[in-house]
Amino acid sequence: MAGKPTWRRGVDAVEGALSPVAGHVVRNETFALSVAVVARTRRGLAARAERMSRQGLHLLNLPAGSDINRLLRSIASLEREVRELAKQLETPARSGHVVVEPH
């Protein structure tokens, strides 16, 4: 097999024939506008679907993804506070100060 495989020659031939046309299409202003409109429409539809699913889950008294994310952020914040308080409690203990624990 000295040369390229047959399938590769076929792919290269198709690519060579389509590349100039594809290049012209993607540089076209209408194509760019179409892509922008499709992207905006897709984002709008995704946002609407998310709102509808969130409302449906709330009607069933179930948490939506946004509720879970809010809880995860709260938990992370609390964990940071606990770590900070633990550091503050360790510092006086290491320096020889007596830490009095409440009863």
PDB file of N, CA and C in Angstrom:
ATOM      1  N   MET A   1       0.849  -1.181   0.000  1.00  0.00           N
ATOM      2  CA  MET A   1       0.000   0.000   0.000  1.00  0.00           C
ATOM      3  C   MET A   1       0.889   1.237   0.000  1.00  0.00           C
ATOM      4  N   ALA A   2       1.314   1.607  -1.155  1.00  0.00           N
ATOM      5  CA  ALA A   2       2.227   2.735  -1.276  1.00  0.00           C
ATOM      6  C   ALA A   2       1.500   4.062  -1.172  1.00  0.00           C
ATOM      7  N   GLY A   3       0.276   4.151  -1.688  1.00  0.00           N
ATOM      8  CA  GLY A   3      -0.460   5.424  -1.702  1.00  0.00           C
ATOM      9  C   GLY A   3      -1.522   5.481  -0.630  1.00  0.00           C
ATOM     10  N   LYS A   4      -2.371   6.453  -0.777  1.00  0.00           N
ATOM     11  CA  LYS A   4      -3.487   6.619   0.163  1.00  0.00           C
ATOM     12  C   LYS A   4      -4.517   5.518  -0.051  1.00  0.00           C
ATOM     13  N   PRO A   5      -5.232   5.147   1.027  1.00  0.00           N
ATOM     14  CA  PRO A   5      -6.305   4.157   0.859  1.00  0.00           C
ATOM     15  C   PRO A   5      -7.418   4.716  -0.034  1.00  0.00           C
ATOM     16  N   THR A   6      -8.185   3.829  -0.613  1.00  0.00           N
ATOM     17  CA  THR A   6      -9.256   4.226  -1.532  1.00  0.00           C
ATOM     18  C   THR A   6     -10.254   5.150  -0.853  1.00  0.00           C
ATOM     19  N   TRP A   7     -10.640   4.821   0.370  1.00  0.00           N
ATOM     20  CA  TRP A   7     -11.628   5.660   1.072  1.00  0.00           C
ATOM     21  C   TRP A   7     -11.091   7.064   1.278  1.00  0.00           C
ATOM     22  N   ARG A   8      -9.772   7.160   1.546  1.00  0.00           N
ATOM     23  CA  ARG A   8      -9.183   8.481   1.780  1.00  0.00           C
ATOM     24  C   ARG A   8      -9.158   9.300   0.491  1.00  0.00           C
ATOM     25  N   ARG A   9      -8.862   8.655  -0.635  1.00  0.00           N
ATOM     26  CA  ARG A   9      -8.874   9.362  -1.928  1.00  0.00           C
ATOM     27  C   ARG A   9     -10.285   9.874  -2.224  1.00  0.00           C
ATOM     28  N   GLY A  10     -11.297   9.058  -1.891  1.00  0.00           N
ATOM     29  CA  GLY A  10     -12.689   9.484  -2.092  1.00  0.00           C
ATOM     30  C   GLY A  10     -13.047  10.687  -1.234  1.00  0.00           C
ATOM     31  N   VAL A  11     -12.646  10.647   0.036  1.00  0.00           N
ATOM     32  CA  VAL A  11     -12.915  11.761   0.949  1.00  0.00           C
ATOM     33  C   VAL A  11     -12.208  13.018   0.448  1.00  0.00           C
ATOM     34  N   ASP A  12     -10.958  12.876   0.045  1.00  0.00           N
ATOM     35  CA  ASP A  12     -10.203  14.030  -0.453  1.00  0.00           C
ATOM     36  C   ASP A  12     -10.845  14.620  -1.706  1.00  0.00           C
ATOM     37  N   ALA A  13     -11.384  13.763  -2.584  1.00  0.00           N
ATOM     38  CA  ALA A  13     -12.033  14.248  -3.803  1.00  0.00           C
ATOM     39  C   ALA A  13     -13.295  15.037  -3.475  1.00  0.00           C
ATOM     40  N   VAL A  14     -14.102  14.513  -2.554  1.00  0.00           N
ATOM     41  CA  VAL A  14     -15.335  15.204  -2.160  1.00  0.00           C
ATOM     42  C   VAL A  14     -14.985  16.519  -1.469  1.00  0.00           C
ATOM     43  N   GLU A  15     -13.991  16.484  -0.597  1.00  0.00           N
ATOM     44  CA  GLU A  15     -13.579  17.696   0.111  1.00  0.00           C
ATOM     45  C   GLU A  15     -13.065  18.743  -0.870  1.00  0.00           C
ATOM     46  N   GLY A  16     -12.299  18.318  -1.848  1.00  0.00           N
ATOM     47  CA  GLY A  16     -11.776  19.255  -2.839  1.00  0.00           C
ATOM     48  C   GLY A  16     -12.884  19.896  -3.661  1.00  0.00           C
ATOM     49  N   ALA A  17     -13.936  19.133  -3.940  1.00  0.00           N
ATOM     50  CA  ALA A  17     -15.045  19.672  -4.733  1.00  0.00           C
ATOM     51  C   ALA A  17     -15.930  20.599  -3.912  1.00  0.00           C
ATOM     52  N   LEU A  18     -16.121  20.277  -2.635  1.00  0.00           N
ATOM     53  CA  LEU A  18     -17.041  21.053  -1.803  1.00  0.00           C
ATOM     54  C   LEU A  18     -16.390  22.238  -1.100  1.00  0.00           C
ATOM     55  N   SER A  19     -15.104  22.214  -0.878  1.00  0.00           N
ATOM     56  CA  SER A  19     -14.438  23.279  -0.125  1.00  0.00           C
ATOM     57  C   SER A  19     -14.667  24.677  -0.678  1.00  0.00           C
ATOM     58  N   PRO A  20     -14.511  24.896  -1.990  1.00  0.00           N
ATOM     59  CA  PRO A  20     -14.741  26.262  -2.495  1.00  0.00           C
ATOM     60  C   PRO A  20     -16.182  26.733  -2.273  1.00  0.00           C
ATOM     61  N   VAL A  21     -17.148  25.832  -2.481  1.00  0.00           N
ATOM     62  CA  VAL A  21     -18.555  26.184  -2.298  1.00  0.00           C
ATOM     63  C   VAL A  21     -18.825  26.471  -0.829  1.00  0.00           C
ATOM     64  N   ALA A  22     -18.345  25.584   0.045  1.00  0.00           N
ATOM     65  CA  ALA A  22     -18.567  25.771   1.480  1.00  0.00           C
ATOM     66  C   ALA A  22     -17.899  27.058   1.957  1.00  0.00           C
ATOM     67  N   GLY A  23     -16.716  27.339   1.480  1.00  0.00           N
ATOM     68  CA  GLY A  23     -16.028  28.567   1.861  1.00  0.00           C
ATOM     69  C   GLY A  23     -16.812  29.801   1.455  1.00  0.00           C
ATOM     70  N   HIS A  24     -17.389  29.781   0.267  1.00  0.00           N
ATOM     71  CA  HIS A  24     -18.191  30.911  -0.201  1.00  0.00           C
ATOM     72  C   HIS A  24     -19.453  31.067   0.656  1.00  0.00           C
ATOM     73  N   VAL A  25     -20.078  29.965   1.002  1.00  0.00           N
ATOM     74  CA  VAL A  25     -21.317  30.007   1.787  1.00  0.00           C
ATOM     75  C   VAL A  25     -21.058  30.587   3.175  1.00  0.00           C
ATOM     76  N   VAL A  26     -20.007  30.127   3.851  1.00  0.00           N
ATOM     77  CA  VAL A  26     -19.779  30.578   5.227  1.00  0.00           C
ATOM     78  C   VAL A  26     -19.272  32.011   5.288  1.00  0.00           C
ATOM     79  N   ARG A  27     -18.731  32.522   4.210  1.00  0.00           N
ATOM     80  CA  ARG A  27     -18.308  33.928   4.194  1.00  0.00           C
ATOM     81  C   ARG A  27     -19.446  34.865   3.794  1.00  0.00           C
ATOM     82  N   ASN A  28     -20.584  34.311   3.446  1.00  0.00           N
ATOM     83  CA  ASN A  28     -21.738  35.070   3.007  1.00  0.00           C
ATOM     84  C   ASN A  28     -22.412  35.727   4.222  1.00  0.00           C
ATOM     85  N   GLU A  29     -22.799  36.981   4.103  1.00  0.00           N
ATOM     86  CA  GLU A  29     -23.438  37.703   5.214  1.00  0.00           C
ATOM     87  C   GLU A  29     -24.773  37.077   5.596  1.00  0.00           C
ATOM     88  N   THR A  30     -25.522  36.603   4.629  1.00  0.00           N
ATOM     89  CA  THR A  30     -26.804  35.959   4.900  1.00  0.00           C
ATOM     90  C   THR A  30     -26.607  34.716   5.769  1.00  0.00           C
ATOM     91  N   PHE A  31     -25.555  33.966   5.503  1.00  0.00           N
ATOM     92  CA  PHE A  31     -25.264  32.785   6.307  1.00  0.00           C
ATOM     93  C   PHE A  31     -24.975  33.190   7.753  1.00  0.00           C
ATOM     94  N   ALA A  32     -24.161  34.218   7.935  1.00  0.00           N
ATOM     95  CA  ALA A  32     -23.823  34.679   9.286  1.00  0.00           C
ATOM     96  C   ALA A  32     -25.068  35.133  10.032  1.00  0.00           C
ATOM     97  N   LEU A  33     -25.939  35.869   9.355  1.00  0.00           N
ATOM     98  CA  LEU A  33     -27.183  36.309   9.992  1.00  0.00           C
ATOM     99  C   LEU A  33     -28.082  35.126  10.329  1.00  0.00           C
ATOM    100  N   SER A  34     -28.128  34.160   9.432  1.00  0.00           N
ATOM    101  CA  SER A  34     -28.955  32.970   9.672  1.00  0.00           C
ATOM    102  C   SER A  34     -28.458  32.207  10.895  1.00  0.00           C
ATOM    103  N   VAL A  35     -27.145  32.057  11.007  1.00  0.00           N
ATOM    104  CA  VAL A  35     -26.574  31.358  12.161  1.00  0.00           C
ATOM    105  C   VAL A  35     -26.916  32.108  13.445  1.00  0.00           C
ATOM    106  N   ALA A  36     -26.824  33.440  13.412  1.00  0.00           N
ATOM    107  CA  ALA A  36     -27.142  34.246  14.594  1.00  0.00           C
ATOM    108  C   ALA A  36     -28.609  34.093  14.977  1.00  0.00           C
ATOM    109  N   VAL A  37     -29.502  34.113  14.004  1.00  0.00           N
ATOM    110  CA  VAL A  37     -30.932  33.973  14.280  1.00  0.00           C
ATOM    111  C   VAL A  37     -31.231  32.587  14.851  1.00  0.00           C
ATOM    112  N   VAL A  38     -30.621  31.564  14.269  1.00  0.00           N
ATOM    113  CA  VAL A  38     -30.841  30.203  14.757  1.00  0.00           C
ATOM    114  C   VAL A  38     -30.333  30.069  16.191  1.00  0.00           C
ATOM    115  N   ALA A  39     -29.157  30.634  16.482  1.00  0.00           N
ATOM    116  CA  ALA A  39     -28.603  30.549  17.841  1.00  0.00           C
ATOM    117  C   ALA A  39     -29.496  31.270  18.840  1.00  0.00           C
ATOM    118  N   ARG A  40     -29.964  32.470  18.470  1.00  0.00           N
ATOM    119  CA  ARG A  40     -30.842  33.229  19.374  1.00  0.00           C
ATOM    120  C   ARG A  40     -32.152  32.481  19.598  1.00  0.00           C
ATOM    121  N   THR A  41     -32.725  31.933  18.539  1.00  0.00           N
ATOM    122  CA  THR A  41     -33.978  31.188  18.650  1.00  0.00           C
ATOM    123  C   THR A  41     -33.786  29.959  19.540  1.00  0.00           C
ATOM    124  N   ARG A  42     -32.669  29.279  19.346  1.00  0.00           N
ATOM    125  CA  ARG A  42     -32.392  28.080  20.142  1.00  0.00           C
ATOM    126  C   ARG A  42     -32.249  28.427  21.619  1.00  0.00           C
ATOM    127  N   ARG A  43     -31.537  29.507  21.933  1.00  0.00           N
ATOM    128  CA  ARG A  43     -31.403  29.934  23.336  1.00  0.00           C
ATOM    129  C   ARG A  43     -32.759  30.297  23.927  1.00  0.00           C
ATOM    130  N   GLY A  44     -33.572  30.991  23.143  1.00  0.00           N
ATOM    131  CA  GLY A  44     -34.907  31.369  23.616  1.00  0.00           C
ATOM    132  C   GLY A  44     -35.776  30.158  23.898  1.00  0.00           C
ATOM    133  N   LEU A  45     -35.735  29.190  22.991  1.00  0.00           N
ATOM    134  CA  LEU A  45     -36.531  27.971  23.189  1.00  0.00           C
ATOM    135  C   LEU A  45     -36.028  27.181  24.397  1.00  0.00           C
ATOM    136  N   ALA A  46     -34.705  27.127  24.579  1.00  0.00           N
ATOM    137  CA  ALA A  46     -34.155  26.404  25.734  1.00  0.00           C
ATOM    138  C   ALA A  46     -34.571  27.088  27.033  1.00  0.00           C
ATOM    139  N   ALA A  47     -34.531  28.421  27.057  1.00  0.00           N
ATOM    140  CA  ALA A  47     -34.932  29.151  28.265  1.00  0.00           C
ATOM    141  C   ALA A  47     -36.409  28.926  28.557  1.00  0.00           C
ATOM    142  N   ARG A  48     -37.223  28.934  27.519  1.00  0.00           N
ATOM    143  CA  ARG A  48     -38.659  28.710  27.712  1.00  0.00           C
ATOM    144  C   ARG A  48     -38.927  27.295  28.228  1.00  0.00           C
ATOM    145  N   ALA A  49     -38.243  26.317  27.641  1.00  0.00           N
ATOM    146  CA  ALA A  49     -38.413  24.930  28.089  1.00  0.00           C
ATOM    147  C   ALA A  49     -37.979  24.778  29.547  1.00  0.00           C
ATOM    148  N   GLU A  50     -36.891  25.456  29.913  1.00  0.00           N
ATOM    149  CA  GLU A  50     -36.423  25.385  31.301  1.00  0.00           C
ATOM    150  C   GLU A  50     -37.444  25.997  32.251  1.00  0.00           C
ATOM    151  N   ARG A  51     -37.993  27.152  31.867  1.00  0.00           N
ATOM    152  CA  ARG A  51     -39.024  27.785  32.713  1.00  0.00           C
ATOM    153  C   ARG A  51     -40.231  26.872  32.872  1.00  0.00           C
ATOM    154  N   MET A  52     -40.666  26.266  31.775  1.00  0.00           N
ATOM    155  CA  MET A  52     -41.846  25.404  31.834  1.00  0.00           C
ATOM    156  C   MET A  52     -41.581  24.167  32.704  1.00  0.00           C
ATOM    157  N   SER A  53     -40.394  23.585  32.553  1.00  0.00           N
ATOM    158  CA  SER A  53     -40.096  22.391  33.357  1.00  0.00           C
ATOM    159  C   SER A  53     -39.975  22.762  34.833  1.00  0.00           C
ATOM    160  N   ARG A  54     -39.393  23.936  35.123  1.00  0.00           N
ATOM    161  CA  ARG A  54     -39.280  24.390  36.517  1.00  0.00           C
ATOM    162  C   ARG A  54     -40.670  24.587  37.113  1.00  0.00           C
ATOM    163  N   GLN A  55     -41.566  25.221  36.354  1.00  0.00           N
ATOM    164  CA  GLN A  55     -42.930  25.436  36.842  1.00  0.00           C
ATOM    165  C   GLN A  55     -43.640  24.111  37.063  1.00  0.00           C
ATOM    166  N   GLY A  56     -43.448  23.170  36.133  1.00  0.00           N
ATOM    167  CA  GLY A  56     -44.076  21.854  36.278  1.00  0.00           C
ATOM    168  C   GLY A  56     -43.576  21.113  37.510  1.00  0.00           C
ATOM    169  N   LEU A  57     -42.260  21.170  37.731  1.00  0.00           N
ATOM    170  CA  LEU A  57     -41.706  20.514  38.917  1.00  0.00           C
ATOM    171  C   LEU A  57     -42.214  21.169  40.196  1.00  0.00           C
ATOM    172  N   HIS A  58     -42.309  22.493  40.199  1.00  0.00           N
ATOM    173  CA  HIS A  58     -42.814  23.188  41.384  1.00  0.00           C
ATOM    174  C   HIS A  58     -44.286  22.865  41.629  1.00  0.00           C
ATOM    175  N   LEU A  59     -45.057  22.696  40.564  1.00  0.00           N
ATOM    176  CA  LEU A  59     -46.462  22.297  40.741  1.00  0.00           C
ATOM    177  C   LEU A  59     -46.567  20.932  41.411  1.00  0.00           C
ATOM    178  N   LEU A  60     -45.599  20.077  41.143  1.00  0.00           N
ATOM    179  CA  LEU A  60     -45.574  18.747  41.755  1.00  0.00           C
ATOM    180  C   LEU A  60     -44.829  18.750  43.085  1.00  0.00           C
ATOM    181  N   ASN A  61     -44.471  19.941  43.551  1.00  0.00           N
ATOM    182  CA  ASN A  61     -43.749  20.120  44.804  1.00  0.00           C
ATOM    183  C   ASN A  61     -42.393  19.408  44.781  1.00  0.00           C
ATOM    184  N   LEU A  62     -41.724  19.473  43.620  1.00  0.00           N
ATOM    185  CA  LEU A  62     -40.396  18.890  43.450  1.00  0.00           C
ATOM    186  C   LEU A  62     -39.397  20.008  43.174  1.00  0.00           C
ATOM    187  N   PRO A  63     -38.151  19.818  43.568  1.00  0.00           N
ATOM    188  CA  PRO A  63     -37.150  20.862  43.314  1.00  0.00           C
ATOM    189  C   PRO A  63     -36.706  20.858  41.855  1.00  0.00           C
ATOM    190  N   ALA A  64     -36.471  22.041  41.345  1.00  0.00           N
ATOM    191  CA  ALA A  64     -35.935  22.190  39.995  1.00  0.00           C
ATOM    192  C   ALA A  64     -34.420  22.305  40.093  1.00  0.00           C
ATOM    193  N   GLY A  65     -33.746  22.261  38.965  1.00  0.00           N
ATOM    194  CA  GLY A  65     -32.295  22.384  38.943  1.00  0.00           C
ATOM    195  C   GLY A  65     -31.817  23.676  39.575  1.00  0.00           C
ATOM    196  N   SER A  66     -32.545  24.760  39.354  1.00  0.00           N
ATOM    197  CA  SER A  66     -32.148  26.045  39.943  1.00  0.00           C
ATOM    198  C   SER A  66     -32.238  26.000  41.469  1.00  0.00           C
ATOM    199  N   ASP A  67     -33.211  25.264  41.996  1.00  0.00           N
ATOM    200  CA  ASP A  67     -33.331  25.117  43.452  1.00  0.00           C
ATOM    201  C   ASP A  67     -32.134  24.345  44.007  1.00  0.00           C
ATOM    202  N   ILE A  68     -31.757  23.294  43.318  1.00  0.00           N
ATOM    203  CA  ILE A  68     -30.620  22.477  43.745  1.00  0.00           C
ATOM    204  C   ILE A  68     -29.337  23.306  43.699  1.00  0.00           C
ATOM    205  N   ASN A  69     -29.160  24.072  42.624  1.00  0.00           N
ATOM    206  CA  ASN A  69     -27.960  24.906  42.515  1.00  0.00           C
ATOM    207  C   ASN A  69     -27.897  25.941  43.633  1.00  0.00           C
ATOM    208  N   ARG A  70     -29.019  26.531  43.971  1.00  0.00           N
ATOM    209  CA  ARG A  70     -29.057  27.508  45.059  1.00  0.00           C
ATOM    210  C   ARG A  70     -28.674  26.839  46.385  1.00  0.00           C
ATOM    211  N   LEU A  71     -29.193  25.645  46.636  1.00  0.00           N
ATOM    212  CA  LEU A  71     -28.843  24.913  47.851  1.00  0.00           C
ATOM    213  C   LEU A  71     -27.360  24.548  47.883  1.00  0.00           C
ATOM    214  N   LEU A  72     -26.817  24.131  46.743  1.00  0.00           N
ATOM    215  CA  LEU A  72     -25.399  23.789  46.687  1.00  0.00           C
ATOM    216  C   LEU A  72     -24.520  25.007  46.980  1.00  0.00           C
ATOM    217  N   ARG A  73     -24.916  26.182  46.463  1.00  0.00           N
ATOM    218  CA  ARG A  73     -24.158  27.406  46.754  1.00  0.00           C
ATOM    219  C   ARG A  73     -24.230  27.734  48.246  1.00  0.00           C
ATOM    220  N   SER A  74     -25.405  27.553  48.850  1.00  0.00           N
ATOM    221  CA  SER A  74     -25.556  27.810  50.279  1.00  0.00           C
ATOM    222  C   SER A  74     -24.695  26.858  51.101  1.00  0.00           C
ATOM    223  N   ILE A  75     -24.678  25.598  50.737  1.00  0.00           N
ATOM    224  CA  ILE A  75     -23.867  24.609  51.448  1.00  0.00           C
ATOM    225  C   ILE A  75     -22.389  24.954  51.326  1.00  0.00           C
ATOM    226  N   ALA A  76     -21.951  25.332  50.126  1.00  0.00           N
ATOM    227  CA  ALA A  76     -20.545  25.698  49.925  1.00  0.00           C
ATOM    228  C   ALA A  76     -20.178  26.908  50.779  1.00  0.00           C
ATOM    229  N   SER A  77     -21.082  27.868  50.866  1.00  0.00           N
ATOM    230  CA  SER A  77     -20.839  29.051  51.693  1.00  0.00           C
ATOM    231  C   SER A  77     -20.722  28.669  53.163  1.00  0.00           C
ATOM    232  N   LEU A  78     -21.610  27.817  53.625  1.00  0.00           N
ATOM    233  CA  LEU A  78     -21.555  27.362  55.013  1.00  0.00           C
ATOM    234  C   LEU A  78     -20.268  26.586  55.296  1.00  0.00           C
ATOM    235  N   GLU A  79     -19.840  25.754  54.354  1.00  0.00           N
ATOM    236  CA  GLU A  79     -18.600  25.003  54.532  1.00  0.00           C
ATOM    237  C   GLU A  79     -17.406  25.952  54.652  1.00  0.00           C
ATOM    238  N   ARG A  80     -17.387  27.014  53.842  1.00  0.00           N
ATOM    239  CA  ARG A  80     -16.310  28.003  53.942  1.00  0.00           C
ATOM    240  C   ARG A  80     -16.313  28.667  55.312  1.00  0.00           C
ATOM    241  N   GLU A  81     -17.503  29.021  55.792  1.00  0.00           N
ATOM    242  CA  GLU A  81     -17.602  29.652  57.113  1.00  0.00           C
ATOM    243  C   GLU A  81     -17.124  28.713  58.216  1.00  0.00           C
ATOM    244  N   VAL A  82     -17.487  27.454  58.141  1.00  0.00           N
ATOM    245  CA  VAL A  82     -17.073  26.478  59.152  1.00  0.00           C
ATOM    246  C   VAL A  82     -15.551  26.323  59.135  1.00  0.00           C
ATOM    247  N   ARG A  83     -14.954  26.248  57.926  1.00  0.00           N
ATOM    248  CA  ARG A  83     -13.494  26.154  57.841  1.00  0.00           C
ATOM    249  C   ARG A  83     -12.823  27.379  58.463  1.00  0.00           C
ATOM    250  N   GLU A  84     -13.380  28.559  58.168  1.00  0.00           N
ATOM    251  CA  GLU A  84     -12.826  29.795  58.724  1.00  0.00           C
ATOM    252  C   GLU A  84     -12.940  29.810  60.249  1.00  0.00           C
ATOM    253  N   LEU A  85     -14.073  29.402  60.780  1.00  0.00           N
ATOM    254  CA  LEU A  85     -14.248  29.344  62.237  1.00  0.00           C
ATOM    255  C   LEU A  85     -13.305  28.323  62.861  1.00  0.00           C
ATOM    256  N   ALA A  86     -13.112  27.197  62.193  1.00  0.00           N
ATOM    257  CA  ALA A  86     -12.193  26.178  62.707  1.00  0.00           C
ATOM    258  C   ALA A  86     -10.777  26.733  62.751  1.00  0.00           C
ATOM    259  N   LYS A  87     -10.378  27.484  61.736  1.00  0.00           N
ATOM    260  CA  LYS A  87      -9.049  28.106  61.733  1.00  0.00           C
ATOM    261  C   LYS A  87      -8.914  29.098  62.883  1.00  0.00           C
ATOM    262  N   GLN A  88      -9.959  29.877  63.106  1.00  0.00           N
ATOM    263  CA  GLN A  88      -9.930  30.857  64.190  1.00  0.00           C
ATOM    264  C   GLN A  88      -9.830  30.167  65.546  1.00  0.00           C
ATOM    265  N   LEU A  89     -10.473  29.023  65.707  1.00  0.00           N
ATOM    266  CA  LEU A  89     -10.407  28.289  66.967  1.00  0.00           C
ATOM    267  C   LEU A  89      -9.043  27.642  67.159  1.00  0.00           C
ATOM    268  N   GLU A  90      -8.401  27.211  66.082  1.00  0.00           N
ATOM    269  CA  GLU A  90      -7.086  26.588  66.176  1.00  0.00           C
ATOM    270  C   GLU A  90      -6.018  27.599  66.541  1.00  0.00           C
ATOM    271  N   THR A  91      -6.108  28.805  66.044  1.00  0.00           N
ATOM    272  CA  THR A  91      -5.069  29.810  66.256  1.00  0.00           C
ATOM    273  C   THR A  91      -4.825  30.095  67.735  1.00  0.00           C
ATOM    274  N   PRO A  92      -5.840  30.398  68.564  1.00  0.00           N
ATOM    275  CA  PRO A  92      -5.571  30.632  69.994  1.00  0.00           C
ATOM    276  C   PRO A  92      -5.041  29.381  70.692  1.00  0.00           C
ATOM    277  N   ALA A  93      -5.505  28.205  70.295  1.00  0.00           N
ATOM    278  CA  ALA A  93      -5.063  26.968  70.935  1.00  0.00           C
ATOM    279  C   ALA A  93      -3.584  26.742  70.669  1.00  0.00           C
ATOM    280  N   ARG A  94      -3.088  27.066  69.512  1.00  0.00           N
ATOM    281  CA  ARG A  94      -1.680  26.879  69.175  1.00  0.00           C
ATOM    282  C   ARG A  94      -0.798  27.904  69.869  1.00  0.00           C
ATOM    283  N   SER A  95      -1.348  29.094  70.109  1.00  0.00           N
ATOM    284  CA  SER A  95      -0.538  30.143  70.726  1.00  0.00           C
ATOM    285  C   SER A  95      -0.488  30.014  72.249  1.00  0.00           C
ATOM    286  N   GLY A  96      -1.119  29.006  72.810  1.00  0.00           N
ATOM    287  CA  GLY A  96      -1.062  28.795  74.248  1.00  0.00           C
ATOM    288  C   GLY A  96      -2.229  29.394  74.998  1.00  0.00           C
ATOM    289  N   HIS A  97      -3.130  30.063  74.330  1.00  0.00           N
ATOM    290  CA  HIS A  97      -4.289  30.626  74.998  1.00  0.00           C
ATOM    291  C   HIS A  97      -5.272  29.518  75.343  1.00  0.00           C
ATOM    292  N   VAL A  98      -5.954  29.700  76.406  1.00  0.00           N
ATOM    293  CA  VAL A  98      -6.939  28.718  76.834  1.00  0.00           C
ATOM    294  C   VAL A  98      -8.263  29.043  76.138  1.00  0.00           C
ATOM    295  N   VAL A  99      -8.844  28.046  75.523  1.00  0.00           N
ATOM    296  CA  VAL A  99     -10.128  28.203  74.861  1.00  0.00           C
ATOM    297  C   VAL A  99     -11.191  27.639  75.789  1.00  0.00           C
ATOM    298  N   VAL A 100     -12.140  28.464  76.156  1.00  0.00           N
ATOM    299  CA  VAL A 100     -13.211  28.029  77.039  1.00  0.00           C
ATOM    300  C   VAL A 100     -14.405  27.671  76.183  1.00  0.00           C
ATOM    301  N   GLU A 101     -14.851  26.438  76.335  1.00  0.00           N
ATOM    302  CA  GLU A 101     -15.986  25.981  75.568  1.00  0.00           C
ATOM    303  C   GLU A 101     -17.266  26.233  76.350  1.00  0.00           C
ATOM    304  N   PRO A 102     -18.313  26.697  75.694  1.00  0.00           N
ATOM    305  CA  PRO A 102     -19.587  26.934  76.384  1.00  0.00           C
ATOM    306  C   PRO A 102     -20.233  25.608  76.788  1.00  0.00           C
ATOM    307  N   HIS A 103     -20.999  25.668  77.852  1.00  0.00           N
ATOM    308  CA  HIS A 103     -21.685  24.454  78.325  1.00  0.00           C
ATOM    309  C   HIS A 103     -23.061  24.379  77.768  1.00  0.00           C
TER     310      HIS A 103
END
